[in-house]
């Protein structure tokens, strides 16, 4: 999908984004190269350093990563190198810290807006107590902390438990601990 967007921009194809027709005189041509982070922070850092080690790859910006736990370390490195990073899916409120992530941007609202909406919804149903399971990584921990703080403002108690990403056993144990 990302490479299709690059192709559409370069061809000024306005089938999907009508405003591209207005950029006919724009001299900018995009070149997309995909690096797979595998949804892990370690692989994200490896791919970032790989970009620098490949002599034929020249980049001015990064699109991604999808997971906040991956975007954080990449945003740290990109900030040091003054490379803009735009994520389409990383929503952790922790990434709003411009001191830590000066070149990080996103195209989606942060979790602070989502956690407020969720707490407001539970409040509208007069819930006094809710349970929450979350991935025990930078994203999940930030979301859990933000939601618990927002829920407390509405007088809602939160029972919570974290689990390891991509581990069915950890998920099962977290579920069992909640009941």
Foldseek 3Di string as FASTA:
>chain_A
DVVVVLVCLQVLPCPPPVCSVVCPVPPDHDDDDDQDQVPAQVSLVVSLVVQVVDPVHDDQAAEDDQELLNVQVVLQVCVVVVHAYEYAHHAQPVCVPCVRRVRYYYDDHHLLVVLLVVLVVCVVVVAQEDEEEFAPGRRRVRNVVSNCVNNVVSNHHYHYDYFHPPDPVRVVVRVVVVD
